[in-house]
N, C-alpha and C. Protein backbone atom coordinates (compact mmCIF):
# COMPACT_ATOMS: atom_id res chain seq x y z
N MET A 1 10.84 -58.63 10.23
CA MET A 1 9.72 -58.00 9.38
C MET A 1 9.80 -56.63 9.41
N THR A 2 9.12 -56.07 8.44
CA THR A 2 8.87 -54.43 8.58
C THR A 2 7.42 -54.00 9.22
N LEU A 3 7.18 -53.01 9.77
CA LEU A 3 5.76 -52.67 9.85
C LEU A 3 4.84 -52.65 8.63
N THR A 4 5.33 -52.58 7.82
CA THR A 4 4.40 -52.45 6.59
C THR A 4 3.61 -53.65 6.39
N LYS A 5 3.97 -55.04 6.74
CA LYS A 5 3.77 -56.10 6.56
C LYS A 5 2.84 -56.71 7.51
N ALA A 6 2.65 -55.61 9.11
CA ALA A 6 1.89 -56.18 9.99
C ALA A 6 0.58 -56.31 10.15
N MET A 7 -0.20 -57.28 10.63
CA MET A 7 -1.34 -57.45 10.86
C MET A 7 -2.16 -56.55 11.39
N PHE A 8 -3.46 -55.92 11.44
CA PHE A 8 -4.05 -55.11 11.96
C PHE A 8 -4.42 -55.54 13.33
N GLY A 9 -4.17 -54.60 14.33
CA GLY A 9 -4.32 -55.21 15.86
C GLY A 9 -3.75 -55.97 16.58
N LYS A 10 -2.68 -56.48 16.07
CA LYS A 10 -2.00 -57.38 16.72
C LYS A 10 -0.62 -56.62 17.23
N LYS A 11 -0.44 -57.15 18.52
CA LYS A 11 0.56 -56.19 19.03
C LYS A 11 2.17 -56.90 18.81
N TYR A 12 2.81 -56.24 18.37
CA TYR A 12 4.48 -56.58 18.28
C TYR A 12 5.48 -55.86 18.83
N ILE A 13 6.55 -56.37 19.08
CA ILE A 13 7.75 -55.62 19.78
C ILE A 13 8.50 -55.35 18.74
N ILE A 14 8.82 -53.93 18.89
CA ILE A 14 9.94 -53.28 18.08
C ILE A 14 11.25 -54.08 18.08
N SER A 15 11.86 -54.56 17.12
CA SER A 15 13.25 -55.05 17.40
C SER A 15 14.43 -54.15 16.93
N ARG A 16 14.06 -53.30 16.13
CA ARG A 16 15.20 -52.51 15.99
C ARG A 16 14.56 -51.42 14.82
N ILE A 17 15.28 -50.40 14.83
CA ILE A 17 15.09 -49.17 13.88
C ILE A 17 16.18 -49.19 13.00
N GLU A 18 15.80 -49.48 11.38
CA GLU A 18 16.40 -49.47 10.69
C GLU A 18 17.15 -47.94 9.46
N THR A 19 17.78 -47.24 10.18
CA THR A 19 17.74 -45.95 9.26
C THR A 19 19.29 -45.45 9.78
N ASP A 20 19.90 -44.50 8.78
CA ASP A 20 21.41 -44.30 9.30
C ASP A 20 20.43 -42.25 9.47
N ASP A 21 19.71 -41.78 9.44
CA ASP A 21 19.37 -40.85 9.81
C ASP A 21 18.84 -40.28 11.13
N GLU A 22 19.57 -39.50 11.40
CA GLU A 22 20.03 -39.44 13.18
C GLU A 22 18.82 -38.77 13.50
N GLU A 23 18.03 -37.72 12.76
CA GLU A 23 16.85 -36.81 12.94
C GLU A 23 15.56 -38.00 13.04
N LEU A 24 15.76 -38.84 11.93
CA LEU A 24 14.47 -39.64 12.17
C LEU A 24 14.38 -40.55 13.25
N ASN A 25 15.99 -41.26 13.51
CA ASN A 25 15.78 -41.97 14.61
C ASN A 25 15.32 -41.09 16.17
N SER A 26 15.54 -39.80 16.14
CA SER A 26 15.21 -39.21 17.38
C SER A 26 13.79 -38.92 17.36
N PHE A 27 13.54 -38.78 16.32
CA PHE A 27 11.58 -38.45 16.08
C PHE A 27 11.23 -39.58 16.65
N LEU A 28 11.57 -40.79 15.77
CA LEU A 28 10.66 -42.03 16.46
C LEU A 28 10.92 -42.39 17.57
N PHE A 29 12.18 -42.15 18.83
CA PHE A 29 12.24 -42.21 20.02
C PHE A 29 11.34 -41.57 20.68
N THR A 30 11.71 -39.96 20.19
CA THR A 30 10.18 -38.85 20.64
C THR A 30 8.92 -39.59 20.81
N LEU A 31 8.36 -40.40 19.99
CA LEU A 31 7.55 -41.44 20.18
C LEU A 31 6.95 -42.56 21.09
N GLY A 32 7.91 -42.60 21.34
CA GLY A 32 8.35 -44.08 22.07
C GLY A 32 8.60 -44.99 21.33
N CYS A 33 8.98 -44.83 19.97
CA CYS A 33 9.17 -45.59 18.94
C CYS A 33 10.86 -46.54 19.15
N TYR A 34 11.13 -47.44 20.12
CA TYR A 34 12.44 -47.29 19.85
C TYR A 34 12.59 -49.57 20.46
N SER A 35 13.66 -50.08 20.44
CA SER A 35 13.86 -51.38 20.60
C SER A 35 12.95 -51.76 22.15
N GLY A 36 12.31 -52.85 21.95
CA GLY A 36 11.88 -53.49 22.81
C GLY A 36 10.06 -53.10 23.38
N GLU A 37 9.93 -52.12 22.69
CA GLU A 37 8.76 -51.48 22.97
C GLU A 37 7.65 -52.04 22.29
N GLU A 38 6.06 -51.96 22.71
CA GLU A 38 5.49 -52.85 21.77
C GLU A 38 4.43 -51.56 20.80
N ILE A 39 4.27 -52.29 19.90
CA ILE A 39 3.72 -51.60 19.03
C ILE A 39 2.39 -52.11 18.21
N THR A 40 1.25 -51.65 17.79
CA THR A 40 0.26 -51.90 16.93
C THR A 40 -0.17 -51.37 15.93
N LEU A 41 -0.76 -51.83 14.84
CA LEU A 41 -1.16 -51.31 13.41
C LEU A 41 -2.45 -51.50 13.59
N VAL A 42 -2.86 -49.95 14.00
CA VAL A 42 -4.19 -49.81 14.06
C VAL A 42 -5.01 -49.69 12.59
N SER A 43 -4.41 -49.02 11.90
CA SER A 43 -5.28 -49.10 10.51
C SER A 43 -3.75 -48.59 9.52
N LYS A 44 -4.28 -48.70 7.97
CA LYS A 44 -4.01 -47.99 7.22
C LYS A 44 -4.68 -47.10 6.11
N ILE A 45 -4.39 -45.56 5.82
CA ILE A 45 -5.17 -44.78 5.69
C ILE A 45 -4.62 -44.00 4.54
N SER A 46 -4.64 -44.36 2.99
CA SER A 46 -4.25 -43.74 1.85
C SER A 46 -2.39 -43.64 2.08
N GLY A 47 -2.03 -44.97 2.25
CA GLY A 47 -0.51 -45.15 2.42
C GLY A 47 0.19 -44.57 3.76
N ASN A 48 -0.76 -44.19 4.70
CA ASN A 48 -0.02 -43.96 6.16
C ASN A 48 -0.64 -45.00 6.70
N TYR A 49 0.47 -44.92 7.83
CA TYR A 49 -0.06 -46.13 8.95
C TYR A 49 -0.19 -45.58 10.24
N VAL A 50 -1.24 -45.77 10.93
CA VAL A 50 -1.69 -45.27 12.52
C VAL A 50 -1.58 -46.38 13.05
N VAL A 51 -0.38 -46.18 14.23
CA VAL A 51 0.07 -47.18 14.98
C VAL A 51 -0.31 -46.55 16.58
N ALA A 52 -0.25 -47.78 17.33
CA ALA A 52 -0.59 -47.45 18.67
C ALA A 52 0.85 -47.61 19.53
N ILE A 53 1.30 -46.50 20.32
CA ILE A 53 2.72 -47.02 20.88
C ILE A 53 2.40 -46.25 22.26
N LYS A 54 2.13 -47.36 23.45
CA LYS A 54 2.20 -46.65 24.61
C LYS A 54 0.66 -46.34 24.59
N ASP A 55 0.28 -45.17 25.39
CA ASP A 55 -0.94 -44.77 25.33
C ASP A 55 -1.24 -43.79 24.30
N GLY A 56 -0.63 -43.77 22.90
CA GLY A 56 -0.86 -42.55 22.18
C GLY A 56 -0.97 -43.30 20.66
N ARG A 57 -1.59 -42.64 19.86
CA ARG A 57 -1.67 -43.19 18.32
C ARG A 57 -1.02 -42.28 17.48
N TYR A 58 -0.32 -42.93 16.47
CA TYR A 58 0.29 -41.86 15.55
C TYR A 58 0.14 -42.39 14.35
N ASN A 59 0.28 -41.25 13.12
CA ASN A 59 -0.08 -41.61 11.95
C ASN A 59 1.67 -41.13 11.59
N ILE A 60 1.99 -42.21 11.07
CA ILE A 60 3.51 -42.60 9.91
C ILE A 60 3.13 -42.66 8.63
N ASP A 61 4.24 -42.49 7.99
CA ASP A 61 4.07 -42.42 6.43
C ASP A 61 4.84 -43.97 6.07
N HIS A 62 4.96 -44.31 4.68
CA HIS A 62 5.48 -45.41 4.70
C HIS A 62 6.77 -45.75 4.73
N ASP A 63 7.47 -44.60 4.49
CA ASP A 63 8.98 -44.70 4.61
C ASP A 63 9.43 -45.07 6.15
N LEU A 64 8.72 -44.23 6.97
CA LEU A 64 8.77 -44.47 8.64
C LEU A 64 8.52 -46.13 8.85
N ALA A 65 7.54 -46.51 8.32
CA ALA A 65 7.10 -47.96 8.85
C ALA A 65 8.01 -48.61 7.81
N GLN A 66 8.60 -48.75 7.11
CA GLN A 66 9.66 -49.61 6.66
C GLN A 66 10.92 -49.62 7.40
N ALA A 67 10.87 -48.36 8.04
CA ALA A 67 12.50 -48.50 9.17
C ALA A 67 12.19 -49.41 10.13
N ILE A 68 10.91 -49.39 10.55
CA ILE A 68 10.26 -49.72 11.52
C ILE A 68 10.53 -51.65 11.45
N MET A 69 11.68 -52.62 12.10
CA MET A 69 11.60 -53.69 12.29
C MET A 69 10.90 -54.38 13.66
N ILE A 70 9.87 -55.42 13.32
CA ILE A 70 8.91 -56.13 14.50
C ILE A 70 9.00 -57.62 14.25
N SER A 71 9.01 -57.85 15.52
CA SER A 71 8.87 -59.29 16.02
C SER A 71 7.77 -59.84 16.60
């Protein structure tokens, strides 16, 4: 399932990133968002998603959230 369907406060494991855009892939990788990493949906504000990855919190848009597959 995608990150857009995640429940708030629950930890998930990123299974893969579904995008053909290498720039988007590189951007997510710099945030620490890659297969096998834990991710938590903190909140959703105005169509943007606040996520916790490692020790950081990031605000990502709906398109990025759609590309992140979790389990």
